[in-house]
C-alpha atoms as a PDB file:
ATOM      1  CA  GLN A   1      93.084  75.375  60.240  1.00  0.00           C
ATOM      2  CA  LEU A   2      92.800  79.171  60.927  1.00  0.00           C
ATOM      3  CA  ALA A   3      93.857  80.115  57.263  1.00  0.00           C
ATOM      4  CA  ALA A   4      90.506  77.745  56.045  1.00  0.00           C
ATOM      5  CA  LEU A   5      88.345  79.191  58.937  1.00  0.00           C
ATOM      6  CA  GLY A   6      89.085  83.017  57.738  1.00  0.00           C
ATOM      7  CA  ARG A   7      88.310  81.880  53.912  1.00  0.00           C
ATOM      8  CA  PHE A   8      85.042  80.272  55.667  1.00  0.00           C
ATOM      9  CA  THR A   9      84.015  83.097  57.687  1.00  0.00           C
ATOM     10  CA  SER A  10      84.417  85.398  55.034  1.00  0.00           C
ATOM     11  CA  SER A  11      82.302  83.406  52.684  1.00  0.00           C
ATOM     12  CA  VAL A  12      79.297  82.180  54.870  1.00  0.00           C
ATOM     13  CA  ALA A  13      79.005  83.753  57.928  1.00  0.00           C
ATOM     14  CA  HIS A  14      76.722  86.855  56.224  1.00  0.00           C
ATOM     15  CA  GLU A  15      74.493  84.322  54.789  1.00  0.00           C
ATOM     16  CA  ILE A  16      74.380  82.726  58.616  1.00  0.00           C
ATOM     17  CA  ARG A  17      73.740  85.855  60.461  1.00  0.00           C
ATOM     18  CA  ASN A  18      70.931  87.149  58.097  1.00  0.00           C
ATOM     19  CA  PRO A  19      68.286  84.157  58.746  1.00  0.00           C
ATOM     20  CA  LEU A  20      69.498  84.151  62.230  1.00  0.00           C
ATOM     21  CA  THR A  21      68.502  88.016  62.693  1.00  0.00           C
ATOM     22  CA  GLY A  22      65.113  86.793  61.153  1.00  0.00           C
ATOM     23  CA  ILE A  23      64.526  83.746  63.362  1.00  0.00           C
ATOM     24  CA  GLY A  24      65.450  86.037  66.441  1.00  0.00           C
ATOM     25  CA  MET A  25      62.809  88.656  65.694  1.00  0.00           C
ATOM     26  CA  GLY A  26      60.185  85.905  64.891  1.00  0.00           C
ATOM     27  CA  VAL A  27      60.853  84.017  68.115  1.00  0.00           C
ATOM     28  CA  ARG A  28      61.001  87.447  70.292  1.00  0.00           C
ATOM     29  CA  ARG A  29      57.412  87.864  68.697  1.00  0.00           C
ATOM     30  CA  LEU A  30      56.500  84.304  69.694  1.00  0.00           C
ATOM     31  CA  ALA A  31      57.609  85.249  73.081  1.00  0.00           C
ATOM     32  CA  ARG A  32      55.099  88.314  73.580  1.00  0.00           C
ATOM     33  CA  ALA A  33      52.642  86.013  72.380  1.00  0.00           C
ATOM     34  CA  LEU A  34      53.167  83.469  74.751  1.00  0.00           C
ATOM     35  CA  ALA A  35      53.775  85.527  77.801  1.00  0.00           C
ATOM     36  CA  ASP A  36      50.864  84.314  79.698  1.00  0.00           C
ATOM     37  CA  ARG A  37      51.790  80.493  78.924  1.00  0.00           C
ATOM     38  CA  PRO A  38      54.818  80.119  81.172  1.00  0.00           C
ATOM     39  CA  ASP A  39      55.829  76.399  79.818  1.00  0.00           C
ATOM     40  CA  GLU A  40      55.569  77.455  76.225  1.00  0.00           C
ATOM     41  CA  ALA A  41      57.499  80.643  77.218  1.00  0.00           C
ATOM     42  CA  GLU A  42      60.329  78.827  78.784  1.00  0.00           C
ATOM     43  CA  SER A  43      60.734  76.753  75.522  1.00  0.00           C
ATOM     44  CA  VAL A  44      60.726  79.981  73.562  1.00  0.00           C
ATOM     45  CA  GLU A  45      63.448  81.383  75.872  1.00  0.00           C
ATOM     46  CA  PHE A  46      65.616  78.046  74.911  1.00  0.00           C
ATOM     47  CA  VAL A  47      65.648  79.105  71.658  1.00  0.00           C
ATOM     48  CA  VAL A  48      66.573  82.625  71.945  1.00  0.00           C
ATOM     49  CA  ARG A  49      69.349  81.623  74.221  1.00  0.00           C
ATOM     50  CA  GLU A  50      70.723  79.340  71.482  1.00  0.00           C
ATOM     51  CA  ILE A  51      70.269  81.804  68.782  1.00  0.00           C
ATOM     52  CA  ARG A  52      72.508  84.245  71.031  1.00  0.00           C
ATOM     53  CA  ARG A  53      75.024  81.484  71.217  1.00  0.00           C
ATOM     54  CA  LEU A  54      75.241  80.557  67.546  1.00  0.00           C
ATOM     55  CA  ASP A  55      75.782  84.381  66.842  1.00  0.00           C
ATOM     56  CA  GLY A  56      78.403  84.448  69.681  1.00  0.00           C
ATOM     57  CA  ILE A  57      80.335  81.847  68.199  1.00  0.00           C
ATOM     58  CA  ILE A  58      80.042  83.742  64.767  1.00  0.00           C
ATOM     59  CA  GLN A  59      81.369  86.544  66.423  1.00  0.00           C
ATOM     60  CA  GLU A  60      84.369  84.794  67.879  1.00  0.00           C
ATOM     61  CA  LEU A  61      85.127  83.451  64.287  1.00  0.00           C
ATOM     62  CA  PHE A  62      85.316  87.036  63.311  1.00  0.00           C
ATOM     63  CA  ASP A  63      87.483  88.078  66.172  1.00  0.00           C
ATOM     64  CA  ILE A  64      89.922  85.235  65.374  1.00  0.00           C
ATOM     65  CA  THR A  65      90.162  85.779  61.651  1.00  0.00           C
ATOM     66  CA  HIS A  66      89.562  89.754  61.355  1.00  0.00           C
ATOM     67  CA  PRO A  67      91.287  91.271  64.383  1.00  0.00           C
ATOM     68  CA  ARG A  68      90.376  94.676  65.238  1.00  0.00           C
ATOM     69  CA  LYS A  69      93.035  97.600  65.152  1.00  0.00           C
ATOM     70  CA  LEU A  70      93.982  98.647  68.759  1.00  0.00           C
ATOM     71  CA  ASP A  71      93.212 102.058  69.990  1.00  0.00           C
ATOM     72  CA  LEU A  72      95.998 102.158  72.200  1.00  0.00           C
ATOM     73  CA  ALA A  73      96.198 104.936  74.908  1.00  0.00           C
ATOM     74  CA  PRO A  74      97.190 105.258  78.407  1.00  0.00           C
ATOM     75  CA  ARG A  75      94.356 104.255  80.627  1.00  0.00           C
ATOM     76  CA  ALA A  76      93.793 102.964  84.152  1.00  0.00           C
ATOM     77  CA  LEU A  77      93.490  99.158  84.052  1.00  0.00           C
ATOM     78  CA  ALA A  78      91.579  99.014  87.217  1.00  0.00           C
ATOM     79  CA  ASP A  79      88.568 101.043  85.078  1.00  0.00           C
ATOM     80  CA  THR A  80      88.741  98.460  82.553  1.00  0.00           C
ATOM     81  CA  LEU A  81      88.323  95.882  84.886  1.00  0.00           C
ATOM     82  CA  LYS A  82      85.711  97.348  86.702  1.00  0.00           C
ATOM     83  CA  ARG A  83      83.496  97.727  83.761  1.00  0.00           C
ATOM     84  CA  ALA A  84      84.419  94.037  82.612  1.00  0.00           C
ATOM     85  CA  GLU A  85      82.715  93.042  86.251  1.00  0.00           C
ATOM     86  CA  GLN A  86      79.910  95.010  85.327  1.00  0.00           C
ATOM     87  CA  SER A  87      79.496  93.068  82.177  1.00  0.00           C
ATOM     88  CA  VAL A  88      79.468  89.669  83.987  1.00  0.00           C
ATOM     89  CA  ALA A  89      77.593  90.532  87.158  1.00  0.00           C
ATOM     90  CA  GLY A  90      74.636  88.539  85.848  1.00  0.00           C
ATOM     91  CA  VAL A  91      77.358  85.580  85.429  1.00  0.00           C
ATOM     92  CA  LEU A  92      78.582  86.154  88.994  1.00  0.00           C
ATOM     93  CA  GLU A  93      75.401  85.946  90.581  1.00  0.00           C
ATOM     94  CA  GLU A  94      74.120  83.111  88.707  1.00  0.00           C
ATOM     95  CA  HIS A  95      76.889  81.319  90.161  1.00  0.00           C
ATOM     96  CA  GLY A  96      76.925  82.817  93.451  1.00  0.00           C
ATOM     97  CA  VAL A  97      80.483  84.247  93.203  1.00  0.00           C
ATOM     98  CA  THR A  98      81.997  87.312  94.664  1.00  0.00           C
ATOM     99  CA  VAL A  99      85.177  89.097  93.574  1.00  0.00           C
ATOM    100  CA  LEU A 100      87.571  90.518  95.891  1.00  0.00           C
ATOM    101  CA  HIS A 101      90.045  93.238  94.881  1.00  0.00           C
ATOM    102  CA  GLU A 102      93.732  93.480  95.878  1.00  0.00           C
ATOM    103  CA  ILE A 103      94.856  96.510  94.018  1.00  0.00           C
ATOM    104  CA  ALA A 104      98.320  98.014  94.755  1.00  0.00           C
ATOM    105  CA  ALA A 105      98.276 102.041  95.249  1.00  0.00           C
ATOM    106  CA  GLY A 106      99.982 104.276  92.954  1.00  0.00           C
ATOM    107  CA  LEU A 107      99.695 102.320  89.976  1.00  0.00           C
ATOM    108  CA  PRO A 108     100.637 104.158  86.492  1.00  0.00           C
ATOM    109  CA  VAL A 109      98.315 104.029  83.727  1.00  0.00           C
ATOM    110  CA  VAL A 110      98.981 101.487  80.997  1.00  0.00           C
ATOM    111  CA  PRO A 111      98.544 101.608  77.211  1.00  0.00           C
ATOM    112  CA  HIS A 112      95.663  99.608  76.175  1.00  0.00           C
ATOM    113  CA  ASP A 113      92.599  99.525  74.085  1.00  0.00           C
ATOM    114  CA  ALA A 114      90.101  99.576  76.550  1.00  0.00           C
ATOM    115  CA  ASP A 115      87.207  97.594  74.440  1.00  0.00           C
ATOM    116  CA  GLN A 116      89.517  94.682  73.726  1.00  0.00           C
ATOM    117  CA  MET A 117      90.820  94.597  77.067  1.00  0.00           C
ATOM    118  CA  GLN A 118      87.659  94.567  78.591  1.00  0.00           C
ATOM    119  CA  GLN A 119      86.945  91.624  76.653  1.00  0.00           C
ATOM    120  CA  VAL A 120      90.066  89.874  78.002  1.00  0.00           C
ATOM    121  CA  PHE A 121      88.905  90.292  81.635  1.00  0.00           C
ATOM    122  CA  ILE A 122      85.269  89.355  80.743  1.00  0.00           C
ATOM    123  CA  ASN A 123      86.523  85.897  79.343  1.00  0.00           C
ATOM    124  CA  LEU A 124      88.417  85.453  82.207  1.00  0.00           C
ATOM    125  CA  LEU A 125      86.188  86.469  84.963  1.00  0.00           C
ATOM    126  CA  LYS A 126      83.364  84.359  83.423  1.00  0.00           C
ATOM    127  CA  ASN A 127      85.520  81.286  82.886  1.00  0.00           C
ATOM    128  CA  ALA A 128      86.496  81.558  86.710  1.00  0.00           C
ATOM    129  CA  ALA A 129      83.101  82.107  87.767  1.00  0.00           C
ATOM    130  CA  GLU A 130      81.959  79.105  85.866  1.00  0.00           C
ATOM    131  CA  ALA A 131      84.962  76.992  87.663  1.00  0.00           C
ATOM    132  CA  SER A 132      83.902  77.960  90.985  1.00  0.00           C
ATOM    133  CA  PRO A 133      82.069  76.560  93.512  1.00  0.00           C
ATOM    134  CA  ALA A 134      78.809  78.377  94.632  1.00  0.00           C
ATOM    135  CA  GLY A 135      79.683  80.628  97.399  1.00  0.00           C
ATOM    136  CA  GLY A 136      83.359  80.826  96.122  1.00  0.00           C
ATOM    137  CA  HIS A 137      85.414  83.926  95.725  1.00  0.00           C
ATOM    138  CA  ILE A 138      87.545  85.310  92.855  1.00  0.00           C
ATOM    139  CA  ILE A 139      90.517  87.111  93.337  1.00  0.00           C
ATOM    140  CA  VAL A 140      91.765  90.157  91.138  1.00  0.00           C
ATOM    141  CA  ARG A 141      95.261  91.374  91.839  1.00  0.00           C
ATOM    142  CA  LEU A 142      96.596  94.498  90.136  1.00  0.00           C
ATOM    143  CA  THR A 143     100.208  94.914  91.034  1.00  0.00           C
ATOM    144  CA  ARG A 144     103.285  96.302  89.265  1.00  0.00           C
ATOM    145  CA  SER A 145     104.880  93.769  87.346  1.00  0.00           C
ATOM    146  CA  VAL A 146     107.913  91.576  88.872  1.00  0.00           C
ATOM    147  CA  THR A 147     109.537  91.119  84.957  1.00  0.00           C
ATOM    148  CA  PRO A 148     112.621  93.052  83.993  1.00  0.00           C
ATOM    149  CA  ALA A 149     110.747  95.046  81.574  1.00  0.00           C
ATOM    150  CA  GLY A 150     108.281  96.109  84.165  1.00  0.00           C
ATOM    151  CA  GLY A 151     104.858  96.979  83.461  1.00  0.00           C
ATOM    152  CA  ILE A 152     101.414  96.024  85.113  1.00  0.00           C
ATOM    153  CA  SER A 153     100.237  92.464  86.161  1.00  0.00           C
ATOM    154  CA  ALA A 154      96.578  91.662  86.383  1.00  0.00           C
ATOM    155  CA  ALA A 155      95.772  88.003  88.111  1.00  0.00           C
ATOM    156  CA  VAL A 156      92.310  86.436  88.066  1.00  0.00           C
ATOM    157  CA  CYS A 157      92.467  83.495  90.742  1.00  0.00           C
ATOM    158  CA  ASP A 158      89.661  81.020  91.222  1.00  0.00           C
ATOM    159  CA  GLU A 159      88.746  78.416  93.822  1.00  0.00           C
ATOM    160  CA  GLY A 160      87.787  75.627  91.042  1.00  0.00           C
ATOM    161  CA  CYS A 161      89.002  72.190  90.276  1.00  0.00           C
ATOM    162  CA  GLY A 162      92.197  73.308  88.767  1.00  0.00           C
ATOM    163  CA  MET A 163      93.504  71.650  85.706  1.00  0.00           C
ATOM    164  CA  ASP A 164      96.426  69.270  85.040  1.00  0.00           C
ATOM    165  CA  ALA A 165      99.815  69.760  83.209  1.00  0.00           C
ATOM    166  CA  ASP A 166      98.758  68.664  80.058  1.00  0.00           C
ATOM    167  CA  THR A 167      95.656  70.702  79.642  1.00  0.00           C
ATOM    168  CA  GLN A 168      97.903  73.894  80.742  1.00  0.00           C
ATOM    169  CA  LEU A 169     100.040  73.279  77.680  1.00  0.00           C
ATOM    170  CA  THR A 170      97.177  73.018  75.335  1.00  0.00           C
ATOM    171  CA  LEU A 171      94.765  75.703  76.920  1.00  0.00           C
ATOM    172  CA  PHE A 172      95.509  78.679  74.742  1.00  0.00           C
ATOM    173  CA  GLU A 173      95.218  76.594  71.149  1.00  0.00           C
ATOM    174  CA  PRO A 174      92.245  77.237  69.195  1.00  0.00           C
ATOM    175  CA  PHE A 175      89.343  74.850  69.260  1.00  0.00           C
ATOM    176  CA  PHE A 176      90.638  73.152  72.536  1.00  0.00           C
ATOM    177  CA  THR A 177      87.914  73.327  75.247  1.00  0.00           C
ATOM    178  CA  THR A 178      87.033  71.241  78.449  1.00  0.00           C
ATOM    179  CA  LYS A 179      83.420  72.717  78.396  1.00  0.00           C
ATOM    180  CA  PRO A 180      80.570  70.500  76.918  1.00  0.00           C
ATOM    181  CA  LYS A 181      79.275  73.456  74.562  1.00  0.00           C
ATOM    182  CA  GLY A 182      82.356  75.050  74.438  1.00  0.00           C
ATOM    183  CA  THR A 183      84.007  76.369  71.395  1.00  0.00           C
ATOM    184  CA  GLY A 184      87.460  76.627  72.317  1.00  0.00           C
ATOM    185  CA  LEU A 185      88.020  79.832  70.966  1.00  0.00           C
ATOM    186  CA  GLY A 186      87.424  82.434  73.925  1.00  0.00           C
ATOM    187  CA  LEU A 187      90.901  81.733  75.441  1.00  0.00           C
ATOM    188  CA  TYR A 188      92.632  81.665  72.392  1.00  0.00           C
ATOM    189  CA  ILE A 189      91.300  84.984  71.390  1.00  0.00           C
ATOM    190  CA  THR A 190      92.046  86.391  74.744  1.00  0.00           C
ATOM    191  CA  HIS A 191      95.601  85.276  74.640  1.00  0.00           C
ATOM    192  CA  GLU A 192      95.902  86.876  71.292  1.00  0.00           C
ATOM    193  CA  ILE A 193      94.499  90.126  72.236  1.00  0.00           C
ATOM    194  CA  VAL A 194      97.035  90.176  75.196  1.00  0.00           C
ATOM    195  CA  LYS A 195      99.877  89.175  72.737  1.00  0.00           C
ATOM    196  CA  ARG A 196      98.842  91.910  70.320  1.00  0.00           C
ATOM    197  CA  HIS A 197      99.421  94.517  73.048  1.00  0.00           C
ATOM    198  CA  GLY A 198     102.892  93.247  73.672  1.00  0.00           C
ATOM    199  CA  GLY A 199     101.807  91.315  76.692  1.00  0.00           C
ATOM    200  CA  ASN A 200     101.799  87.872  78.032  1.00  0.00           C
ATOM    201  CA  LEU A 201      98.786  85.730  79.313  1.00  0.00           C
ATOM    202  CA  THR A 202     100.088  82.988  81.696  1.00  0.00           C
ATOM    203  CA  VAL A 203      98.108  80.352  83.825  1.00  0.00           C
ATOM    204  CA  THR A 204      99.266  78.309  86.876  1.00  0.00           C
ATOM    205  CA  SER A 205      97.221  75.855  88.536  1.00  0.00           C
ATOM    206  CA  ASP A 206      97.083  72.280  90.134  1.00  0.00           C
ATOM    207  CA  PRO A 207      94.287  69.852  90.222  1.00  0.00           C
ATOM    208  CA  GLY A 208      91.891  70.404  92.905  1.00  0.00           C
ATOM    209  CA  ARG A 209      93.560  73.829  94.041  1.00  0.00           C
ATOM    210  CA  GLY A 210      91.973  76.668  91.522  1.00  0.00           C
ATOM    211  CA  ALA A 211      93.677  78.117  88.603  1.00  0.00           C
ATOM    212  CA  THR A 212      95.214  81.675  88.308  1.00  0.00           C
ATOM    213  CA  PHE A 213      95.461  83.495  84.927  1.00  0.00           C
ATOM    214  CA  THR A 214      97.950  86.532  84.882  1.00  0.00           C
ATOM    215  CA  VAL A 215      97.895  89.197  82.036  1.00  0.00           C
ATOM    216  CA  GLU A 216     101.352  91.223  81.796  1.00  0.00           C
ATOM    217  CA  LEU A 217     101.189  94.224  79.940  1.00  0.00           C
ATOM    218  CA  PRO A 218     103.977  96.726  79.230  1.00  0.00           C
ATOM    219  CA  LEU A 219     104.190 100.308  79.760  1.00  0.00           C
ATOM    220  CA  ASP A 220     105.804 101.050  76.413  1.00  0.00           C
ATOM    221  CA  LEU A 221     103.384 102.653  74.117  1.00  0.00           C
ATOM    222  CA  GLN A 222     105.418 101.057  71.427  1.00  0.00           C
ATOM    223  CA  GLY A 223     105.103  97.468  73.002  1.00  0.00           C
ATOM    224  CA  GLY A 224     101.776  96.481  70.888  1.00  0.00           C
ATOM    225  CA  THR A 225     100.546  96.071  67.887  1.00  0.00           C
ATOM    226  CA  ARG A 226      98.331  98.769  66.143  1.00  0.00           C
END
């Protein structure tokens, strides 16, 4: 599936994105012209959102089939997490969810690509917000890893409906999704980024009791794939 997807992406994504860009420009001009007509402007805004969604799907396909080389350097993982939270601030506000932090003192820097690891946390925080009830909390924990190899552990815990064992087994497979409009690519990409860092992404959950996604990253600079 992924090999075929790579060929498809390379051959037609350019042709899809070009008209999308033109459509987007035209729709934005239309939105300005209809600024004083709320009913029509709302319909135009829906079209804009769908254009963005299509462009996001294409980008996800590229992320899978053409993974970027990692820029590994020792960095504070808390700083990367903070930038991810800033990126999803609108999603958190929309769902009425608050992020609580439990960050251990004296954590060492960990080698990682700041942009790609930020994307990992954006995906996990966004999923947690969408799973959480209004007024709920997401707990983010940064600690020293308890694995024999050591490293840093980053856990994102939500108060959502959780998932059964069968769902957990297939959660990181490409094209698997429980969302009506999901592509099934977000968590797959997230898992692949962590794996390329020499790390591990796991989930623990029970139905009705939320879910915890845990990222384990090694301190060894050679642990990932450049």
